Amino acid sequence: MKIFQLLIAVLICSNLYGQKTFVFLGSFNWDKEKEGIFVYELDTVSGNLSKMTSVKNIRNPSFLALSKSGKYLFACTDSKTENSGSVSSFEFNPKDASLTFINSQNSGGENPVYLMAHQSDKWLVNGNYTEGSASVYPVSENGIIQPFVQNFQFSEGSVNKDRQERAHIHSTVFSPDFKYVFLPDLGADKIRCYQFDDSKKMPLLPCDEPFVKTVPGSGPRHLTFHPNAKFAYLIEEMGGALSAYQYDSGKLKNIQRIAAHSDDLKQNFESSDIHISPDGKFLYASNRGSENNFAIFSIQNDGILRKLGYQSTKGKHPRVFGIDESGKFLIAANTGTGKAVVFKRNSKTGMLRKAGKKIKIENVSAVQIRRYDF
């Protein structure tokens, strides 16, 4: 009888408490009548993805970001749309996997491509590629994005006149303590820096060192911080390289620059995204163009990268990818072939192997992964 009662208690608890991992995927849909954002559940054993829901009535969500609480999903919308650009907010309910549109605001520039929420869930910063600008938004407790309170426009370009005719902000990244914001500028070959004071109505203030220069023609794209907050890593879209930095209180000191592409590739570099495993031991960088692979690096105690090898992304033009909180899975958004592909990570070696079935989403553009507890 006691065993039976214990079994019943276990079954009841399993229904009341549990975990689910959801994957949020965006696409360049070009048409509001088509699905633009998708929600899938990730099977954390097999790596299979199961579609839960999707939303229409938005156009070209090029990048997605979750609030710290996971309750709200933010999106760069109306990207790659002439004379347009917006940021949008959605409420996510993990119990029924529903995604409900809240509101949109003007992005403050054409072609928004990146956004990140403050840890307080009260602020949002986005970057606009085409016009080279960044905007700051207050966010209400109910997830409503308010009109931007700051908009910084940049103009100067760099040495490649075809692609660097002017500034092109490609990401907006908070420091680990959320006291600084870094803006990799592909057009100007700079990583711009601002202090962030969330007690002020206009929270962005210039840093003592307003920018760090990168190699001319490198085209800085995305930046990520090591979990220990002592190092930061930059991926160059045009230079096809990674730069490692020592980090301290808003200051970046370069300690290494290493190729993300294979040694036999001498031109047509096109790197895209960069992420570090949750344990801080491995770094992954995606290469597009003729390679379509992940470069895999180990991270040494002094922050220096050591190249371990490559893994095909199993598709073309991997625009972005994500690593789940457990570090067990990596998911690639292969825009060129319209496929989201799941990989399992070997936590000891850092190597990847394909898992589950490829998911077909035309022009898949963005990915975010989040575990929810019930």
Protein backbone atom coordinates (compact mmCIF):
# COMPACT_ATOMS: atom_id res chain seq x y z
CA MET A 1 0.00 0.00 0.00
CA LYS A 2 2.82 2.40 0.90
CA ILE A 3 4.56 1.69 -2.42
CA PHE A 4 1.31 2.42 -4.26
CA GLN A 5 0.86 5.70 -2.37
CA LEU A 6 4.45 6.67 -3.09
CA LEU A 7 3.92 5.97 -6.81
CA ILE A 8 0.81 8.16 -6.84
CA ALA A 9 2.73 10.96 -5.12
CA VAL A 10 5.52 10.73 -7.68
CA LEU A 11 3.03 10.89 -10.55
CA ILE A 12 1.30 13.92 -9.04
CA CYS A 13 4.61 15.72 -8.52
CA SER A 14 5.74 14.95 -12.05
CA ASN A 15 2.64 16.71 -13.34
CA LEU A 16 3.09 19.69 -11.04
CA TYR A 17 6.83 20.14 -11.43
CA GLY A 18 8.95 19.67 -14.49
CA GLN A 19 11.06 21.30 -17.14
CA LYS A 20 10.62 22.02 -20.81
CA THR A 21 13.09 23.53 -23.22
CA PHE A 22 11.67 25.76 -25.94
CA VAL A 23 13.35 27.00 -29.10
CA PHE A 24 12.28 30.31 -30.64
CA LEU A 25 13.03 30.71 -34.35
CA GLY A 26 12.59 33.72 -36.61
CA SER A 27 12.45 33.91 -40.40
CA PHE A 28 12.70 36.44 -43.18
CA ASN A 29 9.10 35.89 -44.22
CA TRP A 30 8.76 39.12 -46.31
CA ASP A 31 4.98 38.85 -45.97
CA LYS A 32 2.91 39.43 -42.83
CA GLU A 33 0.47 36.77 -44.02
CA LYS A 34 3.21 34.17 -43.57
CA GLU A 35 4.49 32.80 -40.27
CA GLY A 36 7.36 34.90 -38.92
CA ILE A 37 8.23 33.48 -35.48
CA PHE A 38 8.03 29.83 -34.49
CA VAL A 39 8.13 28.08 -31.13
CA TYR A 40 9.39 24.48 -30.89
CA GLU A 41 9.90 22.19 -27.93
CA LEU A 42 13.30 20.52 -27.76
CA ASP A 43 13.45 16.87 -26.71
CA THR A 44 16.49 16.97 -24.45
CA VAL A 45 17.18 13.27 -24.97
CA SER A 46 16.89 12.81 -28.73
CA GLY A 47 17.41 16.39 -29.90
CA ASN A 48 14.18 16.35 -31.91
CA LEU A 49 12.16 19.56 -32.29
CA SER A 50 8.35 19.58 -32.12
CA LYS A 51 6.42 22.60 -33.37
CA MET A 52 4.21 24.19 -30.72
CA THR A 53 3.01 27.49 -32.21
CA SER A 54 3.82 30.34 -34.59
CA VAL A 55 2.81 33.96 -35.17
CA LYS A 56 2.01 36.04 -38.25
CA ASN A 57 1.37 39.76 -38.81
CA ILE A 58 5.01 40.71 -38.40
CA ARG A 59 7.64 41.03 -41.10
CA ASN A 60 11.24 39.85 -41.26
CA PRO A 61 12.16 39.20 -37.62
CA SER A 62 15.94 39.17 -38.06
CA PHE A 63 16.91 38.69 -34.41
CA LEU A 64 15.25 37.47 -31.21
CA ALA A 65 16.03 38.06 -27.53
CA LEU A 66 14.38 36.90 -24.33
CA SER A 67 13.85 38.88 -21.15
CA LYS A 68 15.73 37.61 -18.10
CA SER A 69 12.47 36.23 -16.70
CA GLY A 70 11.74 34.44 -19.97
CA LYS A 71 8.22 35.88 -19.95
CA TYR A 72 8.80 38.21 -22.89
CA LEU A 73 10.30 37.67 -26.32
CA PHE A 74 11.66 40.69 -28.17
CA ALA A 75 12.28 40.81 -31.92
CA CYS A 76 13.93 43.04 -34.49
CA THR A 77 11.12 43.38 -37.04
CA ASP A 78 10.67 45.01 -40.45
CA SER A 79 14.34 44.25 -41.10
CA LYS A 80 15.70 44.49 -44.63
CA THR A 81 12.70 46.68 -45.44
CA GLU A 82 13.36 50.04 -47.10
CA ASN A 83 12.53 53.09 -44.98
CA SER A 84 11.32 50.86 -42.18
CA GLY A 85 12.42 49.11 -39.00
CA SER A 86 10.82 48.21 -35.70
CA VAL A 87 11.27 46.30 -32.45
CA SER A 88 8.41 44.14 -31.19
CA SER A 89 7.38 42.47 -27.95
CA PHE A 90 5.54 39.20 -27.29
CA GLU A 91 4.39 37.44 -24.14
CA PHE A 92 5.29 33.77 -23.87
CA ASN A 93 3.33 31.34 -21.70
CA PRO A 94 5.32 28.11 -21.26
CA LYS A 95 2.32 26.22 -19.89
CA ASP A 96 0.56 26.18 -23.26
CA ALA A 97 3.52 27.40 -25.38
CA SER A 98 1.48 30.39 -26.56
CA LEU A 99 3.11 33.52 -27.96
CA THR A 100 1.01 36.70 -27.89
CA PHE A 101 1.90 39.96 -29.62
CA ILE A 102 2.12 42.97 -27.28
CA ASN A 103 3.35 45.98 -29.29
CA SER A 104 5.96 47.45 -31.62
CA GLN A 105 8.03 50.63 -31.68
CA ASN A 106 10.09 52.36 -34.35
CA SER A 107 13.66 51.05 -34.33
CA GLY A 108 15.21 54.47 -34.89
CA GLY A 109 16.97 53.34 -38.04
CA GLU A 110 16.65 51.07 -41.05
CA ASN A 111 17.33 47.33 -40.81
CA PRO A 112 17.45 46.46 -37.08
CA VAL A 113 19.63 43.36 -36.65
CA TYR A 114 20.30 42.84 -32.92
CA LEU A 115 18.76 43.58 -29.55
CA MET A 116 19.40 42.66 -25.93
CA ALA A 117 17.38 43.11 -22.75
CA HIS A 118 18.79 44.48 -19.51
CA GLN A 119 18.83 42.09 -16.54
CA SER A 120 16.14 44.21 -14.83
CA ASP A 121 13.79 43.55 -17.78
CA LYS A 122 13.16 47.32 -17.80
CA TRP A 123 15.38 48.27 -20.74
CA LEU A 124 16.07 47.16 -24.29
CA VAL A 125 18.92 48.20 -26.60
CA ASN A 126 18.85 47.52 -30.34
CA GLY A 127 21.25 48.09 -33.22
CA ASN A 128 20.31 49.23 -36.74
CA TYR A 129 22.67 48.04 -39.44
CA THR A 130 21.94 50.12 -42.53
CA GLU A 131 22.01 53.57 -40.93
CA GLY A 132 24.52 52.68 -38.24
CA SER A 133 22.56 53.55 -35.12
CA ALA A 134 21.55 52.22 -31.70
CA SER A 135 18.34 52.89 -29.75
CA VAL A 136 17.43 52.53 -26.06
CA TYR A 137 13.88 51.69 -24.92
CA PRO A 138 12.21 51.56 -21.52
CA VAL A 139 10.12 48.40 -21.09
CA SER A 140 7.04 48.37 -18.85
CA GLU A 141 6.31 45.61 -16.35
CA ASN A 142 3.70 44.19 -18.73
CA GLY A 143 6.26 43.85 -21.52
CA ILE A 144 5.17 46.95 -23.45
CA ILE A 145 8.09 48.59 -25.26
CA GLN A 146 7.97 52.37 -24.82
CA PRO A 147 9.28 54.78 -27.51
CA PHE A 148 13.06 55.03 -27.52
CA VAL A 149 14.58 57.62 -25.19
CA GLN A 150 17.99 57.65 -26.84
CA ASN A 151 19.12 57.14 -30.42
CA PHE A 152 22.78 57.37 -31.36
CA GLN A 153 23.64 57.83 -35.04
CA PHE A 154 27.13 57.06 -36.32
CA SER A 155 28.49 57.98 -39.72
CA GLU A 156 32.17 57.24 -40.32
CA GLY A 157 33.20 54.26 -42.43
CA SER A 158 36.49 52.46 -43.06
CA VAL A 159 38.79 51.10 -45.75
CA ASN A 160 36.47 48.83 -47.75
CA LYS A 161 34.44 51.33 -49.78
CA ASP A 162 31.99 48.69 -51.01
CA ARG A 163 30.91 47.53 -47.57
CA GLN A 164 32.23 50.17 -45.18
CA GLU A 165 30.94 53.36 -46.76
CA ARG A 166 29.47 54.29 -43.38
CA ALA A 167 28.88 52.91 -39.90
CA HIS A 168 26.95 49.62 -39.58
CA ILE A 169 26.09 48.64 -35.99
CA HIS A 170 25.80 44.84 -35.98
CA SER A 171 25.19 44.02 -32.31
CA THR A 172 24.38 45.60 -28.96
CA VAL A 173 25.87 43.61 -26.09
CA PHE A 174 25.67 44.28 -22.36
CA SER A 175 28.70 43.57 -20.21
CA PRO A 176 28.25 40.74 -17.66
CA ASP A 177 27.45 43.24 -14.89
CA PHE A 178 25.13 45.22 -17.20
CA LYS A 179 27.01 48.45 -16.48
CA TYR A 180 28.29 48.84 -20.04
CA VAL A 181 27.00 48.32 -23.59
CA PHE A 182 29.29 47.42 -26.48
CA LEU A 183 28.40 48.12 -30.12
CA PRO A 184 30.51 46.27 -32.72
CA ASP A 185 30.47 48.53 -35.78
CA LEU A 186 31.14 46.60 -38.99
CA GLY A 187 31.34 49.78 -41.06
CA ALA A 188 33.82 51.69 -38.92
CA ASP A 189 36.00 48.80 -37.67
CA LYS A 190 35.30 49.78 -34.06
CA ILE A 191 33.80 48.31 -30.91
CA ARG A 192 31.96 51.29 -29.41
CA CYS A 193 31.45 51.53 -25.68
CA TYR A 194 28.82 53.21 -23.50
CA GLN A 195 28.20 53.18 -19.77
CA PHE A 196 24.71 52.09 -18.77
CA ASP A 197 23.14 53.71 -15.72
CA ASP A 198 19.66 52.22 -15.25
CA SER A 199 18.77 54.86 -12.65
CA LYS A 200 18.69 57.58 -15.32
CA LYS A 201 15.93 58.33 -17.82
CA MET A 202 18.61 58.38 -20.52
CA PRO A 203 20.86 55.55 -19.34
CA LEU A 204 23.59 55.49 -22.02
CA LEU A 205 26.64 57.65 -21.27
CA PRO A 206 29.98 57.76 -23.14
CA CYS A 207 32.77 55.53 -21.82
CA ASP A 208 36.13 56.99 -20.85
CA GLU A 209 37.45 55.07 -23.86
CA PRO A 210 34.59 55.50 -26.37
CA PHE A 211 35.76 52.76 -28.73
CA VAL A 212 38.37 50.10 -29.45
CA LYS A 213 39.74 49.92 -32.98
CA THR A 214 39.83 46.61 -34.81
CA VAL A 215 41.95 45.60 -37.81
CA PRO A 216 41.06 47.79 -40.84
CA GLY A 217 38.61 45.96 -43.10
CA SER A 218 37.83 43.30 -40.49
CA GLY A 219 34.13 44.20 -40.09
CA PRO A 220 33.40 43.44 -36.40
CA ARG A 221 30.03 41.68 -36.06
CA HIS A 222 29.16 39.93 -32.77
CA LEU A 223 30.72 40.03 -29.31
CA THR A 224 30.38 37.60 -26.40
CA PHE A 225 31.73 37.51 -22.85
CA HIS A 226 33.27 34.57 -21.03
CA PRO A 227 31.23 33.32 -18.04
CA ASN A 228 34.04 34.43 -15.71
CA ALA A 229 33.63 38.04 -17.02
CA LYS A 230 37.41 38.34 -17.46
CA PHE A 231 37.48 37.87 -21.24
CA ALA A 232 35.49 38.92 -24.30
CA TYR A 233 35.58 37.56 -27.85
CA LEU A 234 34.74 39.26 -31.14
CA ILE A 235 33.95 37.67 -34.48
CA GLU A 236 34.78 39.56 -37.67
CA GLU A 237 32.38 39.15 -40.57
CA MET A 238 34.79 40.40 -43.24
CA GLY A 239 38.14 39.44 -41.73
CA GLY A 240 37.13 35.88 -40.94
CA ALA A 241 38.94 36.02 -37.60
CA LEU A 242 38.32 36.08 -33.86
CA SER A 243 39.80 38.59 -31.46
CA ALA A 244 40.22 37.78 -27.78
CA TYR A 245 40.26 40.56 -25.18
CA GLN A 246 41.01 40.87 -21.51
CA TYR A 247 38.06 42.69 -19.97
CA ASP A 248 37.83 44.96 -16.95
CA SER A 249 35.24 47.66 -16.14
CA GLY A 250 34.37 48.70 -19.67
CA LYS A 251 37.87 48.31 -21.08
CA LEU A 252 38.95 45.77 -23.68
CA LYS A 253 42.61 44.83 -24.16
CA ASN A 254 43.40 42.68 -27.18
CA ILE A 255 45.41 39.55 -26.40
CA GLN A 256 44.94 37.43 -29.55
CA ARG A 257 43.64 37.39 -33.12
CA ILE A 258 43.12 33.97 -34.71
CA ALA A 259 41.50 32.81 -37.95
CA ALA A 260 37.99 31.38 -37.67
CA HIS A 261 38.18 29.88 -41.14
CA SER A 262 40.26 26.93 -42.29
CA ASP A 263 43.89 27.60 -43.21
CA ASP A 264 43.41 26.82 -46.91
CA LEU A 265 40.78 29.55 -47.36
CA LYS A 266 42.58 32.70 -48.52
CA GLN A 267 39.63 34.95 -49.44
CA ASN A 268 35.84 35.34 -49.33
CA PHE A 269 35.76 35.24 -45.53
CA GLU A 270 32.27 35.52 -44.12
CA SER A 271 32.01 34.68 -40.45
CA SER A 272 28.77 35.32 -38.57
CA ASP A 273 28.10 34.31 -34.96
CA ILE A 274 29.97 33.40 -31.77
CA HIS A 275 29.03 31.67 -28.50
CA ILE A 276 30.77 30.09 -25.51
CA SER A 277 29.69 26.90 -23.76
CA PRO A 278 28.15 27.50 -20.31
CA ASP A 279 31.14 25.89 -18.58
CA GLY A 280 33.46 28.42 -20.27
CA LYS A 281 35.70 25.74 -21.76
CA PHE A 282 34.83 25.99 -25.47
CA LEU A 283 34.10 28.69 -28.02
CA TYR A 284 32.17 28.18 -31.27
CA ALA A 285 32.22 30.45 -34.32
CA SER A 286 30.13 30.05 -37.46
CA ASN A 287 31.51 30.56 -40.97
CA ARG A 288 29.34 31.19 -44.01
CA GLY A 289 30.36 31.68 -47.64
CA SER A 290 32.17 28.69 -49.08
CA GLU A 291 32.69 26.89 -45.75
CA ASN A 292 29.37 26.70 -43.84
CA ASN A 293 30.91 25.28 -40.71
CA PHE A 294 31.56 25.79 -37.02
CA ALA A 295 35.10 26.52 -35.92
CA ILE A 296 35.61 24.95 -32.49
CA PHE A 297 38.15 26.30 -29.99
CA SER A 298 39.19 25.44 -26.47
CA ILE A 299 39.62 28.40 -24.12
CA GLN A 300 42.78 28.39 -22.02
CA ASN A 301 42.98 29.75 -18.48
CA ASP A 302 44.58 32.95 -19.77
CA GLY A 303 41.77 33.48 -22.30
CA ILE A 304 43.80 32.39 -25.32
CA LEU A 305 41.98 30.29 -27.93
CA ARG A 306 43.30 27.00 -29.31
CA LYS A 307 41.67 25.67 -32.46
CA LEU A 308 40.33 22.12 -32.16
CA GLY A 309 38.58 21.55 -35.47
CA TYR A 310 35.52 22.13 -37.62
CA GLN A 311 32.00 20.77 -37.96
CA SER A 312 29.68 21.24 -40.93
CA THR A 313 26.52 23.17 -40.08
CA LYS A 314 24.59 20.72 -42.31
CA GLY A 315 23.25 23.62 -44.35
CA LYS A 316 24.20 26.88 -46.04
CA HIS A 317 24.64 30.37 -44.66
CA PRO A 318 24.50 29.76 -40.88
CA ARG A 319 23.44 33.26 -39.86
CA VAL A 320 23.18 32.60 -36.12
CA PHE A 321 23.19 29.72 -33.66
CA GLY A 322 22.51 29.16 -29.98
CA ILE A 323 23.63 26.90 -27.13
CA ASP A 324 21.11 25.74 -24.53
CA GLU A 325 21.59 26.44 -20.81
CA SER A 326 22.73 22.90 -20.06
CA GLY A 327 25.40 23.11 -22.74
CA LYS A 328 24.16 19.85 -24.18
CA PHE A 329 22.76 21.18 -27.45
CA LEU A 330 23.69 23.68 -30.15
CA ILE A 331 21.11 24.76 -32.74
CA ALA A 332 22.08 26.36 -36.05
CA ALA A 333 19.87 28.59 -38.19
CA ASN A 334 20.98 27.88 -41.77
CA THR A 335 19.31 30.76 -43.60
CA GLY A 336 20.48 29.77 -47.09
CA THR A 337 18.92 26.31 -47.01
CA GLY A 338 16.05 27.21 -44.66
CA LYS A 339 16.95 24.55 -42.09
CA ALA A 340 17.29 24.62 -38.32
CA VAL A 341 19.71 21.87 -37.29
CA VAL A 342 20.29 20.48 -33.79
CA PHE A 343 23.70 19.26 -32.66
CA LYS A 344 24.70 17.49 -29.47
CA ARG A 345 27.83 18.76 -27.73
CA ASN A 346 30.46 16.55 -26.19
CA SER A 347 31.13 18.38 -22.92
CA LYS A 348 34.60 16.86 -22.59
CA THR A 349 35.96 17.37 -26.12
CA GLY A 350 33.75 20.24 -27.34
CA MET A 351 32.98 18.37 -30.55
CA LEU A 352 29.54 18.36 -32.19
CA ARG A 353 27.38 15.73 -33.86
CA LYS A 354 24.04 16.14 -35.55
CA ALA A 355 20.98 15.08 -33.55
CA GLY A 356 17.30 14.78 -34.39
CA LYS A 357 15.68 15.83 -37.65
CA LYS A 358 16.30 19.04 -39.55
CA ILE A 359 13.43 21.54 -39.30
CA LYS A 360 12.41 23.31 -42.49
CA ILE A 361 11.78 27.05 -42.02
CA GLU A 362 12.21 29.17 -45.12
CA ASN A 363 14.89 31.85 -44.63
CA VAL A 364 15.31 30.97 -40.93
CA SER A 365 16.99 34.01 -39.40
CA ALA A 366 17.21 33.78 -35.62
CA VAL A 367 17.30 31.34 -32.72
CA GLN A 368 16.94 31.54 -28.94
CA ILE A 369 16.79 28.57 -26.53
CA ARG A 370 15.36 28.66 -23.02
CA ARG A 371 14.51 26.10 -20.34
CA TYR A 372 11.36 26.71 -18.31
CA ASP A 373 10.61 25.19 -14.92
CA PHE A 374 7.07 24.32 -13.83
